Amino acid sequence: MNYRETVKKITASYEEKKPNRVDELKKLDRKIKRPANVFAYLFGSVSALVLGFGMCLAMKVLFDMMAVGIVIGIVGIAMCLITYPIYKKILNSVKKKNADKINELANEILNA
């Protein structure tokens, strides 16, 4: 890379970026997906912690409560298994509510 390209690259990094319609579409898409993603991260993390706690009890690491640990572990596994279907349900619900906005903006970009 010669010095002119380097200068152009550095100069471009300091120029103010003007948002366009595609940036708006990307921002709206992220906003629509955010509630489902937040749910999946939080519920999935809690599920993994419940499963891990159950495993600790079942293996007698924390207390001598093997039967309780197995039950808690099974609850944790069940929570892990239902995380994705609930995520998809939330995502589809929010997408359905905002489909008109997305389609309108996408058609506007494509027809411009």
PDB file of N, CA and C in Angstrom:
ATOM      1  N   MET A   1       0.864  -1.172   0.000  1.00  0.00           N
ATOM      2  CA  MET A   1       0.000   0.000   0.000  1.00  0.00           C
ATOM      3  C   MET A   1       0.909   1.234   0.000  1.00  0.00           C
ATOM      4  N   ASN A   2       0.616   2.157  -0.908  1.00  0.00           N
ATOM      5  CA  ASN A   2       1.443   3.358  -0.962  1.00  0.00           C
ATOM      6  C   ASN A   2       0.905   4.420  -0.015  1.00  0.00           C
ATOM      7  N   TYR A   3       1.609   5.479   0.099  1.00  0.00           N
ATOM      8  CA  TYR A   3       1.251   6.502   1.088  1.00  0.00           C
ATOM      9  C   TYR A   3      -0.063   7.202   0.746  1.00  0.00           C
ATOM     10  N   ARG A   4      -0.418   7.329  -0.544  1.00  0.00           N
ATOM     11  CA  ARG A   4      -1.683   7.988  -0.915  1.00  0.00           C
ATOM     12  C   ARG A   4      -2.885   7.185  -0.410  1.00  0.00           C
ATOM     13  N   GLU A   5      -2.813   5.881  -0.574  1.00  0.00           N
ATOM     14  CA  GLU A   5      -3.896   5.026  -0.084  1.00  0.00           C
ATOM     15  C   GLU A   5      -3.995   5.101   1.437  1.00  0.00           C
ATOM     16  N   THR A   6      -2.866   5.146   2.094  1.00  0.00           N
ATOM     17  CA  THR A   6      -2.848   5.259   3.553  1.00  0.00           C
ATOM     18  C   THR A   6      -3.477   6.573   4.001  1.00  0.00           C
ATOM     19  N   VAL A   7      -3.127   7.654   3.327  1.00  0.00           N
ATOM     20  CA  VAL A   7      -3.685   8.966   3.663  1.00  0.00           C
ATOM     21  C   VAL A   7      -5.190   8.965   3.434  1.00  0.00           C
ATOM     22  N   LYS A   8      -5.661   8.402   2.322  1.00  0.00           N
ATOM     23  CA  LYS A   8      -7.099   8.350   2.034  1.00  0.00           C
ATOM     24  C   LYS A   8      -7.837   7.524   3.086  1.00  0.00           C
ATOM     25  N   LYS A   9      -7.236   6.404   3.487  1.00  0.00           N
ATOM     26  CA  LYS A   9      -7.857   5.540   4.485  1.00  0.00           C
ATOM     27  C   LYS A   9      -7.988   6.255   5.828  1.00  0.00           C
ATOM     28  N   ILE A  10      -6.938   6.935   6.238  1.00  0.00           N
ATOM     29  CA  ILE A  10      -6.967   7.662   7.511  1.00  0.00           C
ATOM     30  C   ILE A  10      -7.967   8.806   7.446  1.00  0.00           C
ATOM     31  N   THR A  11      -7.965   9.542   6.349  1.00  0.00           N
ATOM     32  CA  THR A  11      -8.891  10.662   6.182  1.00  0.00           C
ATOM     33  C   THR A  11     -10.338  10.174   6.204  1.00  0.00           C
ATOM     34  N   ALA A  12     -10.598   9.058   5.551  1.00  0.00           N
ATOM     35  CA  ALA A  12     -11.955   8.511   5.509  1.00  0.00           C
ATOM     36  C   ALA A  12     -12.443   8.113   6.894  1.00  0.00           C
ATOM     37  N   SER A  13     -11.529   7.674   7.745  1.00  0.00           N
ATOM     38  CA  SER A  13     -11.948   7.265   9.089  1.00  0.00           C
ATOM     39  C   SER A  13     -12.370   8.452   9.956  1.00  0.00           C
ATOM     40  N   TYR A  14     -11.962   9.674   9.572  1.00  0.00           N
ATOM     41  CA  TYR A  14     -12.321  10.865  10.347  1.00  0.00           C
ATOM     42  C   TYR A  14     -13.506  11.618   9.760  1.00  0.00           C
ATOM     43  N   GLU A  15     -13.963  11.226   8.591  1.00  0.00           N
ATOM     44  CA  GLU A  15     -15.103  11.909   7.984  1.00  0.00           C
ATOM     45  C   GLU A  15     -16.386  11.460   8.658  1.00  0.00           C
ATOM     46  N   GLU A  16     -17.317  12.378   8.735  1.00  0.00           N
ATOM     47  CA  GLU A  16     -18.599  12.061   9.355  1.00  0.00           C
ATOM     48  C   GLU A  16     -19.399  11.180   8.406  1.00  0.00           C
ATOM     49  N   LYS A  17     -19.865  10.058   8.930  1.00  0.00           N
ATOM     50  CA  LYS A  17     -20.632   9.123   8.116  1.00  0.00           C
ATOM     51  C   LYS A  17     -22.099   9.555   8.109  1.00  0.00           C
ATOM     52  N   LYS A  18     -22.645   9.673   6.925  1.00  0.00           N
ATOM     53  CA  LYS A  18     -24.043  10.074   6.796  1.00  0.00           C
ATOM     54  C   LYS A  18     -24.907   8.820   6.727  1.00  0.00           C
ATOM     55  N   PRO A  19     -25.864   8.700   7.645  1.00  0.00           N
ATOM     56  CA  PRO A  19     -26.722   7.503   7.620  1.00  0.00           C
ATOM     57  C   PRO A  19     -27.593   7.496   6.370  1.00  0.00           C
ATOM     58  N   ASN A  20     -27.788   6.298   5.826  1.00  0.00           N
ATOM     59  CA  ASN A  20     -28.650   6.164   4.663  1.00  0.00           C
ATOM     60  C   ASN A  20     -29.795   5.209   4.991  1.00  0.00           C
ATOM     61  N   ARG A  21     -30.591   4.911   4.012  1.00  0.00           N
ATOM     62  CA  ARG A  21     -31.788   4.089   4.237  1.00  0.00           C
ATOM     63  C   ARG A  21     -31.419   2.644   4.607  1.00  0.00           C
ATOM     64  N   VAL A  22     -30.340   2.145   4.056  1.00  0.00           N
ATOM     65  CA  VAL A  22     -29.923   0.783   4.394  1.00  0.00           C
ATOM     66  C   VAL A  22     -29.505   0.713   5.857  1.00  0.00           C
ATOM     67  N   ASP A  23     -28.817   1.754   6.343  1.00  0.00           N
ATOM     68  CA  ASP A  23     -28.449   1.806   7.756  1.00  0.00           C
ATOM     69  C   ASP A  23     -29.702   1.826   8.638  1.00  0.00           C
ATOM     70  N   GLU A  24     -30.709   2.553   8.207  1.00  0.00           N
ATOM     71  CA  GLU A  24     -31.978   2.585   8.954  1.00  0.00           C
ATOM     72  C   GLU A  24     -32.615   1.205   8.985  1.00  0.00           C
ATOM     73  N   LEU A  25     -32.566   0.501   7.855  1.00  0.00           N
ATOM     74  CA  LEU A  25     -33.146  -0.839   7.782  1.00  0.00           C
ATOM     75  C   LEU A  25     -32.403  -1.792   8.717  1.00  0.00           C
ATOM     76  N   LYS A  26     -31.084  -1.732   8.723  1.00  0.00           N
ATOM     77  CA  LYS A  26     -30.295  -2.571   9.623  1.00  0.00           C
ATOM     78  C   LYS A  26     -30.592  -2.263  11.087  1.00  0.00           C
ATOM     79  N   LYS A  27     -30.711  -0.978  11.406  1.00  0.00           N
ATOM     80  CA  LYS A  27     -30.994  -0.556  12.781  1.00  0.00           C
ATOM     81  C   LYS A  27     -32.368  -1.064  13.226  1.00  0.00           C
ATOM     82  N   LEU A  28     -33.349  -0.951  12.343  1.00  0.00           N
ATOM     83  CA  LEU A  28     -34.696  -1.428  12.654  1.00  0.00           C
ATOM     84  C   LEU A  28     -34.702  -2.941  12.834  1.00  0.00           C
ATOM     85  N   ASP A  29     -33.949  -3.653  11.999  1.00  0.00           N
ATOM     86  CA  ASP A  29     -33.865  -5.109  12.117  1.00  0.00           C
ATOM     87  C   ASP A  29     -33.264  -5.516  13.460  1.00  0.00           C
ATOM     88  N   ARG A  30     -32.190  -4.841  13.865  1.00  0.00           N
ATOM     89  CA  ARG A  30     -31.574  -5.134  15.169  1.00  0.00           C
ATOM     90  C   ARG A  30     -32.539  -4.835  16.306  1.00  0.00           C
ATOM     91  N   LYS A  31     -33.278  -3.727  16.185  1.00  0.00           N
ATOM     92  CA  LYS A  31     -34.234  -3.340  17.229  1.00  0.00           C
ATOM     93  C   LYS A  31     -35.336  -4.389  17.358  1.00  0.00           C
ATOM     94  N   ILE A  32     -35.757  -4.938  16.242  1.00  0.00           N
ATOM     95  CA  ILE A  32     -36.822  -5.938  16.258  1.00  0.00           C
ATOM     96  C   ILE A  32     -36.334  -7.237  16.892  1.00  0.00           C
ATOM     97  N   LYS A  33     -35.093  -7.610  16.645  1.00  0.00           N
ATOM     98  CA  LYS A  33     -34.560  -8.871  17.168  1.00  0.00           C
ATOM     99  C   LYS A  33     -34.104  -8.781  18.623  1.00  0.00           C
ATOM    100  N   ARG A  34     -33.922  -7.577  19.132  1.00  0.00           N
ATOM    101  CA  ARG A  34     -33.358  -7.401  20.470  1.00  0.00           C
ATOM    102  C   ARG A  34     -34.162  -8.083  21.585  1.00  0.00           C
ATOM    103  N   PRO A  35     -35.498  -7.945  21.672  1.00  0.00           N
ATOM    104  CA  PRO A  35     -36.210  -8.591  22.794  1.00  0.00           C
ATOM    105  C   PRO A  35     -36.020 -10.110  22.836  1.00  0.00           C
ATOM    106  N   ALA A  36     -36.053 -10.748  21.664  1.00  0.00           N
ATOM    107  CA  ALA A  36     -35.876 -12.204  21.624  1.00  0.00           C
ATOM    108  C   ALA A  36     -34.454 -12.577  22.026  1.00  0.00           C
ATOM    109  N   ASN A  37     -33.481 -11.815  21.578  1.00  0.00           N
ATOM    110  CA  ASN A  37     -32.089 -12.107  21.926  1.00  0.00           C
ATOM    111  C   ASN A  37     -31.836 -11.928  23.420  1.00  0.00           C
ATOM    112  N   VAL A  38     -32.359 -10.860  23.985  1.00  0.00           N
ATOM    113  CA  VAL A  38     -32.188 -10.621  25.422  1.00  0.00           C
ATOM    114  C   VAL A  38     -32.812 -11.761  26.221  1.00  0.00           C
ATOM    115  N   PHE A  39     -34.022 -12.170  25.830  1.00  0.00           N
ATOM    116  CA  PHE A  39     -34.658 -13.293  26.515  1.00  0.00           C
ATOM    117  C   PHE A  39     -33.791 -14.540  26.423  1.00  0.00           C
ATOM    118  N   ALA A  40     -33.324 -14.860  25.216  1.00  0.00           N
ATOM    119  CA  ALA A  40     -32.557 -16.093  25.019  1.00  0.00           C
ATOM    120  C   ALA A  40     -31.277 -16.084  25.847  1.00  0.00           C
ATOM    121  N   TYR A  41     -30.565 -14.958  25.869  1.00  0.00           N
ATOM    122  CA  TYR A  41     -29.331 -14.886  26.647  1.00  0.00           C
ATOM    123  C   TYR A  41     -29.605 -15.036  28.144  1.00  0.00           C
ATOM    124  N   LEU A  42     -30.588 -14.314  28.640  1.00  0.00           N
ATOM    125  CA  LEU A  42     -30.866 -14.361  30.077  1.00  0.00           C
ATOM    126  C   LEU A  42     -31.438 -15.708  30.508  1.00  0.00           C
ATOM    127  N   PHE A  43     -32.461 -16.174  29.806  1.00  0.00           N
ATOM    128  CA  PHE A  43     -33.107 -17.431  30.185  1.00  0.00           C
ATOM    129  C   PHE A  43     -32.147 -18.603  29.990  1.00  0.00           C
ATOM    130  N   GLY A  44     -31.372 -18.569  28.917  1.00  0.00           N
ATOM    131  CA  GLY A  44     -30.400 -19.631  28.685  1.00  0.00           C
ATOM    132  C   GLY A  44     -29.332 -19.667  29.762  1.00  0.00           C
ATOM    133  N   SER A  45     -28.881 -18.501  30.188  1.00  0.00           N
ATOM    134  CA  SER A  45     -27.871 -18.445  31.252  1.00  0.00           C
ATOM    135  C   SER A  45     -28.425 -18.963  32.571  1.00  0.00           C
ATOM    136  N   VAL A  46     -29.635 -18.548  32.899  1.00  0.00           N
ATOM    137  CA  VAL A  46     -30.268 -19.029  34.139  1.00  0.00           C
ATOM    138  C   VAL A  46     -30.474 -20.536  34.061  1.00  0.00           C
ATOM    139  N   SER A  47     -30.881 -21.029  32.899  1.00  0.00           N
ATOM    140  CA  SER A  47     -31.087 -22.471  32.719  1.00  0.00           C
ATOM    141  C   SER A  47     -29.797 -23.239  32.959  1.00  0.00           C
ATOM    142  N   ALA A  48     -28.703 -22.737  32.407  1.00  0.00           N
ATOM    143  CA  ALA A  48     -27.414 -23.403  32.579  1.00  0.00           C
ATOM    144  C   ALA A  48     -26.984 -23.386  34.050  1.00  0.00           C
ATOM    145  N   LEU A  49     -27.267 -22.286  34.738  1.00  0.00           N
ATOM    146  CA  LEU A  49     -26.918 -22.209  36.164  1.00  0.00           C
ATOM    147  C   LEU A  49     -27.749 -23.187  36.993  1.00  0.00           C
ATOM    148  N   VAL A  50     -29.027 -23.299  36.674  1.00  0.00           N
ATOM    149  CA  VAL A  50     -29.886 -24.248  37.387  1.00  0.00           C
ATOM    150  C   VAL A  50     -29.391 -25.671  37.142  1.00  0.00           C
ATOM    151  N   LEU A  51     -29.083 -25.983  35.898  1.00  0.00           N
ATOM    152  CA  LEU A  51     -28.566 -27.309  35.568  1.00  0.00           C
ATOM    153  C   LEU A  51     -27.251 -27.571  36.305  1.00  0.00           C
ATOM    154  N   GLY A  52     -26.361 -26.616  36.310  1.00  0.00           N
ATOM    155  CA  GLY A  52     -25.086 -26.778  37.002  1.00  0.00           C
ATOM    156  C   GLY A  52     -25.249 -26.954  38.501  1.00  0.00           C
ATOM    157  N   PHE A  53     -26.167 -26.197  39.084  1.00  0.00           N
ATOM    158  CA  PHE A  53     -26.422 -26.330  40.525  1.00  0.00           C
ATOM    159  C   PHE A  53     -26.959 -27.724  40.825  1.00  0.00           C
ATOM    160  N   GLY A  54     -27.863 -28.187  39.980  1.00  0.00           N
ATOM    161  CA  GLY A  54     -28.390 -29.547  40.160  1.00  0.00           C
ATOM    162  C   GLY A  54     -27.298 -30.598  40.055  1.00  0.00           C
ATOM    163  N   MET A  55     -26.382 -30.394  39.113  1.00  0.00           N
ATOM    164  CA  MET A  55     -25.270 -31.339  38.973  1.00  0.00           C
ATOM    165  C   MET A  55     -24.373 -31.330  40.217  1.00  0.00           C
ATOM    166  N   CYS A  56     -24.138 -30.141  40.748  1.00  0.00           N
ATOM    167  CA  CYS A  56     -23.313 -30.041  41.960  1.00  0.00           C
ATOM    168  C   CYS A  56     -23.967 -30.776  43.125  1.00  0.00           C
ATOM    169  N   LEU A  57     -25.261 -30.637  43.251  1.00  0.00           N
ATOM    170  CA  LEU A  57     -25.955 -31.348  44.326  1.00  0.00           C
ATOM    171  C   LEU A  57     -25.961 -32.852  44.071  1.00  0.00           C
ATOM    172  N   ALA A  58     -26.183 -33.258  42.826  1.00  0.00           N
ATOM    173  CA  ALA A  58     -26.244 -34.684  42.506  1.00  0.00           C
ATOM    174  C   ALA A  58     -24.891 -35.369  42.706  1.00  0.00           C
ATOM    175  N   MET A  59     -23.815 -34.652  42.431  1.00  0.00           N
ATOM    176  CA  MET A  59     -22.480 -35.242  42.599  1.00  0.00           C
ATOM    177  C   MET A  59     -21.924 -35.024  44.005  1.00  0.00           C
ATOM    178  N   LYS A  60     -22.739 -34.468  44.876  1.00  0.00           N
ATOM    179  CA  LYS A  60     -22.386 -34.263  46.286  1.00  0.00           C
ATOM    180  C   LYS A  60     -21.186 -33.336  46.447  1.00  0.00           C
ATOM    181  N   VAL A  61     -21.109 -32.350  45.554  1.00  0.00           N
ATOM    182  CA  VAL A  61     -20.032 -31.367  45.658  1.00  0.00           C
ATOM    183  C   VAL A  61     -20.377 -30.347  46.741  1.00  0.00           C
ATOM    184  N   LEU A  62     -21.619 -29.869  46.739  1.00  0.00           N
ATOM    185  CA  LEU A  62     -22.023 -28.861  47.714  1.00  0.00           C
ATOM    186  C   LEU A  62     -22.607 -29.498  48.967  1.00  0.00           C
ATOM    187  N   PHE A  63     -23.644 -30.276  48.797  1.00  0.00           N
ATOM    188  CA  PHE A  63     -24.324 -30.920  49.925  1.00  0.00           C
ATOM    189  C   PHE A  63     -24.561 -32.378  49.570  1.00  0.00           C
ATOM    190  N   ASP A  64     -24.979 -33.141  50.512  1.00  0.00           N
ATOM    191  CA  ASP A  64     -25.281 -34.551  50.270  1.00  0.00           C
ATOM    192  C   ASP A  64     -26.774 -34.680  49.944  1.00  0.00           C
ATOM    193  N   MET A  65     -27.173 -34.161  48.775  1.00  0.00           N
ATOM    194  CA  MET A  65     -28.594 -34.138  48.382  1.00  0.00           C
ATOM    195  C   MET A  65     -28.728 -34.631  46.940  1.00  0.00           C
ATOM    196  N   MET A  66     -28.396 -35.875  46.706  1.00  0.00           N
ATOM    197  CA  MET A  66     -28.363 -36.402  45.353  1.00  0.00           C
ATOM    198  C   MET A  66     -29.730 -36.375  44.679  1.00  0.00           C
ATOM    199  N   ALA A  67     -30.786 -36.801  45.364  1.00  0.00           N
ATOM    200  CA  ALA A  67     -32.120 -36.862  44.756  1.00  0.00           C
ATOM    201  C   ALA A  67     -32.615 -35.463  44.376  1.00  0.00           C
ATOM    202  N   VAL A  68     -32.408 -34.513  45.262  1.00  0.00           N
ATOM    203  CA  VAL A  68     -32.810 -33.131  44.981  1.00  0.00           C
ATOM    204  C   VAL A  68     -31.994 -32.580  43.806  1.00  0.00           C
ATOM    205  N   GLY A  69     -30.727 -32.919  43.767  1.00  0.00           N
ATOM    206  CA  GLY A  69     -29.862 -32.477  42.683  1.00  0.00           C
ATOM    207  C   GLY A  69     -30.306 -33.010  41.334  1.00  0.00           C
ATOM    208  N   ILE A  70     -30.741 -34.257  41.307  1.00  0.00           N
ATOM    209  CA  ILE A  70     -31.227 -34.842  40.049  1.00  0.00           C
ATOM    210  C   ILE A  70     -32.483 -34.119  39.587  1.00  0.00           C
ATOM    211  N   VAL A  71     -33.387 -33.840  40.503  1.00  0.00           N
ATOM    212  CA  VAL A  71     -34.620 -33.136  40.144  1.00  0.00           C
ATOM    213  C   VAL A  71     -34.301 -31.726  39.632  1.00  0.00           C
ATOM    214  N   ILE A  72     -33.443 -31.020  40.332  1.00  0.00           N
ATOM    215  CA  ILE A  72     -33.063 -29.659  39.904  1.00  0.00           C
ATOM    216  C   ILE A  72     -32.342 -29.717  38.561  1.00  0.00           C
ATOM    217  N   GLY A  73     -31.491 -30.708  38.360  1.00  0.00           N
ATOM    218  CA  GLY A  73     -30.813 -30.871  37.079  1.00  0.00           C
ATOM    219  C   GLY A  73     -31.784 -31.116  35.946  1.00  0.00           C
ATOM    220  N   ILE A  74     -32.799 -31.929  36.177  1.00  0.00           N
ATOM    221  CA  ILE A  74     -33.816 -32.192  35.148  1.00  0.00           C
ATOM    222  C   ILE A  74     -34.597 -30.922  34.837  1.00  0.00           C
ATOM    223  N   VAL A  75     -34.898 -30.135  35.854  1.00  0.00           N
ATOM    224  CA  VAL A  75     -35.563 -28.848  35.625  1.00  0.00           C
ATOM    225  C   VAL A  75     -34.670 -27.946  34.774  1.00  0.00           C
ATOM    226  N   GLY A  76     -33.377 -27.911  35.073  1.00  0.00           N
ATOM    227  CA  GLY A  76     -32.435 -27.119  34.287  1.00  0.00           C
ATOM    228  C   GLY A  76     -32.369 -27.583  32.834  1.00  0.00           C
ATOM    229  N   ILE A  77     -32.370 -28.895  32.625  1.00  0.00           N
ATOM    230  CA  ILE A  77     -32.363 -29.437  31.262  1.00  0.00           C
ATOM    231  C   ILE A  77     -33.631 -29.032  30.528  1.00  0.00           C
ATOM    232  N   ALA A  78     -34.766 -29.136  31.212  1.00  0.00           N
ATOM    233  CA  ALA A  78     -36.036 -28.745  30.587  1.00  0.00           C
ATOM    234  C   ALA A  78     -36.026 -27.265  30.215  1.00  0.00           C
ATOM    235  N   MET A  79     -35.487 -26.449  31.094  1.00  0.00           N
ATOM    236  CA  MET A  79     -35.400 -25.013  30.798  1.00  0.00           C
ATOM    237  C   MET A  79     -34.512 -24.767  29.578  1.00  0.00           C
ATOM    238  N   CYS A  80     -33.392 -25.481  29.503  1.00  0.00           N
ATOM    239  CA  CYS A  80     -32.504 -25.339  28.346  1.00  0.00           C
ATOM    240  C   CYS A  80     -33.220 -25.746  27.058  1.00  0.00           C
ATOM    241  N   LEU A  81     -34.001 -26.809  27.127  1.00  0.00           N
ATOM    242  CA  LEU A  81     -34.690 -27.303  25.934  1.00  0.00           C
ATOM    243  C   LEU A  81     -35.780 -26.360  25.436  1.00  0.00           C
ATOM    244  N   ILE A  82     -36.431 -25.633  26.344  1.00  0.00           N
ATOM    245  CA  ILE A  82     -37.521 -24.757  25.901  1.00  0.00           C
ATOM    246  C   ILE A  82     -37.054 -23.351  25.540  1.00  0.00           C
ATOM    247  N   THR A  83     -35.786 -23.060  25.781  1.00  0.00           N
ATOM    248  CA  THR A  83     -35.290 -21.715  25.479  1.00  0.00           C
ATOM    249  C   THR A  83     -35.454 -21.367  24.007  1.00  0.00           C
ATOM    250  N   TYR A  84     -35.021 -22.253  23.111  1.00  0.00           N
ATOM    251  CA  TYR A  84     -35.081 -21.935  21.680  1.00  0.00           C
ATOM    252  C   TYR A  84     -36.514 -21.811  21.157  1.00  0.00           C
ATOM    253  N   PRO A  85     -37.432 -22.723  21.496  1.00  0.00           N
ATOM    254  CA  PRO A  85     -38.813 -22.527  21.007  1.00  0.00           C
ATOM    255  C   PRO A  85     -39.441 -21.217  21.502  1.00  0.00           C
ATOM    256  N   ILE A  86     -39.159 -20.837  22.735  1.00  0.00           N
ATOM    257  CA  ILE A  86     -39.698 -19.571  23.240  1.00  0.00           C
ATOM    258  C   ILE A  86     -39.055 -18.400  22.509  1.00  0.00           C
ATOM    259  N   TYR A  87     -37.750 -18.485  22.265  1.00  0.00           N
ATOM    260  CA  TYR A  87     -37.045 -17.455  21.494  1.00  0.00           C
ATOM    261  C   TYR A  87     -37.692 -17.274  20.125  1.00  0.00           C
ATOM    262  N   LYS A  88     -37.925 -18.385  19.424  1.00  0.00           N
ATOM    263  CA  LYS A  88     -38.528 -18.307  18.089  1.00  0.00           C
ATOM    264  C   LYS A  88     -39.936 -17.708  18.152  1.00  0.00           C
ATOM    265  N   LYS A  89     -40.698 -18.053  19.173  1.00  0.00           N
ATOM    266  CA  LYS A  89     -42.051 -17.528  19.318  1.00  0.00           C
ATOM    267  C   LYS A  89     -42.028 -16.013  19.541  1.00  0.00           C
ATOM    268  N   ILE A  90     -41.129 -15.555  20.406  1.00  0.00           N
ATOM    269  CA  ILE A  90     -40.996 -14.112  20.657  1.00  0.00           C
ATOM    270  C   ILE A  90     -40.551 -13.404  19.387  1.00  0.00           C
ATOM    271  N   LEU A  91     -39.551 -13.958  18.710  1.00  0.00           N
ATOM    272  CA  LEU A  91     -39.025 -13.348  17.489  1.00  0.00           C
ATOM    273  C   LEU A  91     -40.097 -13.256  16.409  1.00  0.00           C
ATOM    274  N   ASN A  92     -40.836 -14.338  16.198  1.00  0.00           N
ATOM    275  CA  ASN A  92     -41.888 -14.317  15.180  1.00  0.00           C
ATOM    276  C   ASN A  92     -42.998 -13.339  15.526  1.00  0.00           C
ATOM    277  N   SER A  93     -43.321 -13.230  16.808  1.00  0.00           N
ATOM    278  CA  SER A  93     -44.351 -12.292  17.244  1.00  0.00           C
ATOM    279  C   SER A  93     -43.941 -10.857  16.956  1.00  0.00           C
ATOM    280  N   VAL A  94     -42.713 -10.511  17.310  1.00  0.00           N
ATOM    281  CA  VAL A  94     -42.233  -9.148  17.092  1.00  0.00           C
ATOM    282  C   VAL A  94     -42.064  -8.871  15.600  1.00  0.00           C
ATOM    283  N   LYS A  95     -41.605  -9.878  14.848  1.00  0.00           N
ATOM    284  CA  LYS A  95     -41.470  -9.711  13.399  1.00  0.00           C
ATOM    285  C   LYS A  95     -42.829  -9.463  12.749  1.00  0.00           C
ATOM    286  N   LYS A  96     -43.827 -10.200  13.208  1.00  0.00           N
ATOM    287  CA  LYS A  96     -45.163 -10.051  12.633  1.00  0.00           C
ATOM    288  C   LYS A  96     -45.699  -8.637  12.875  1.00  0.00           C
ATOM    289  N   LYS A  97     -45.440  -8.105  14.068  1.00  0.00           N
ATOM    290  CA  LYS A  97     -45.909  -6.757  14.393  1.00  0.00           C
ATOM    291  C   LYS A  97     -45.226  -5.689  13.556  1.00  0.00           C
ATOM    292  N   ASN A  98     -43.960  -5.914  13.205  1.00  0.00           N
ATOM    293  CA  ASN A  98     -43.173  -4.893  12.518  1.00  0.00           C
ATOM    294  C   ASN A  98     -42.901  -5.204  11.048  1.00  0.00           C
ATOM    295  N   ALA A  99     -43.542  -6.223  10.510  1.00  0.00           N
ATOM    296  CA  ALA A  99     -43.284  -6.624   9.119  1.00  0.00           C
ATOM    297  C   ALA A  99     -43.620  -5.506   8.143  1.00  0.00           C
ATOM    298  N   ASP A 100     -44.681  -4.758   8.416  1.00  0.00           N
ATOM    299  CA  ASP A 100     -45.074  -3.677   7.508  1.00  0.00           C
ATOM    300  C   ASP A 100     -43.984  -2.610   7.410  1.00  0.00           C
ATOM    301  N   LYS A 101     -43.416  -2.232   8.545  1.00  0.00           N
ATOM    302  CA  LYS A 101     -42.359  -1.213   8.548  1.00  0.00           C
ATOM    303  C   LYS A 101     -41.146  -1.686   7.752  1.00  0.00           C
ATOM    304  N   ILE A 102     -40.725  -2.927   8.011  1.00  0.00           N
ATOM    305  CA  ILE A 102     -39.557  -3.480   7.330  1.00  0.00           C
ATOM    306  C   ILE A 102     -39.798  -3.554   5.827  1.00  0.00           C
ATOM    307  N   ASN A 103     -40.952  -4.099   5.445  1.00  0.00           N
ATOM    308  CA  ASN A 103     -41.254  -4.245   4.026  1.00  0.00           C
ATOM    309  C   ASN A 103     -41.369  -2.895   3.329  1.00  0.00           C
ATOM    310  N   GLU A 104     -41.976  -1.935   3.996  1.00  0.00           N
ATOM    311  CA  GLU A 104     -42.118  -0.604   3.425  1.00  0.00           C
ATOM    312  C   GLU A 104     -40.750   0.042   3.178  1.00  0.00           C
ATOM    313  N   LEU A 105     -39.890  -0.049   4.174  1.00  0.00           N
ATOM    314  CA  LEU A 105     -38.561   0.526   4.048  1.00  0.00           C
ATOM    315  C   LEU A 105     -37.729  -0.219   3.005  1.00  0.00           C
ATOM    316  N   ALA A 106     -37.829  -1.552   2.980  1.00  0.00           N
ATOM    317  CA  ALA A 106     -37.085  -2.340   2.004  1.00  0.00           C
ATOM    318  C   ALA A 106     -37.544  -2.033   0.574  1.00  0.00           C
ATOM    319  N   ASN A 107     -38.847  -1.930   0.378  1.00  0.00           N
ATOM    320  CA  ASN A 107     -39.365  -1.606  -0.957  1.00  0.00           C
ATOM    321  C   ASN A 107     -38.936  -0.191  -1.375  1.00  0.00           C
ATOM    322  N   GLU A 108     -38.924   0.723  -0.434  1.00  0.00           N
ATOM    323  CA  GLU A 108     -38.489   2.082  -0.717  1.00  0.00           C
ATOM    324  C   GLU A 108     -37.026   2.098  -1.168  1.00  0.00           C
ATOM    325  N   ILE A 109     -36.193   1.279  -0.504  1.00  0.00           N
ATOM    326  CA  ILE A 109     -34.782   1.224  -0.874  1.00  0.00           C
ATOM    327  C   ILE A 109     -34.616   0.581  -2.253  1.00  0.00           C
ATOM    328  N   LEU A 110     -35.331  -0.520  -2.473  1.00  0.00           N
ATOM    329  CA  LEU A 110     -35.191  -1.239  -3.736  1.00  0.00           C
ATOM    330  C   LEU A 110     -35.737  -0.462  -4.933  1.00  0.00           C
ATOM    331  N   ASN A 111     -36.757   0.346  -4.704  1.00  0.00           N
ATOM    332  CA  ASN A 111     -37.362   1.098  -5.811  1.00  0.00           C
ATOM    333  C   ASN A 111     -36.734   2.451  -6.028  1.00  0.00           C
ATOM    334  N   ALA A 112     -35.809   2.838  -5.187  1.00  0.00           N
ATOM    335  CA  ALA A 112     -35.179   4.153  -5.320  1.00  0.00           C
ATOM    336  C   ALA A 112     -34.125   4.168  -6.410  1.00  0.00           C
TER     337      ALA A 112
END
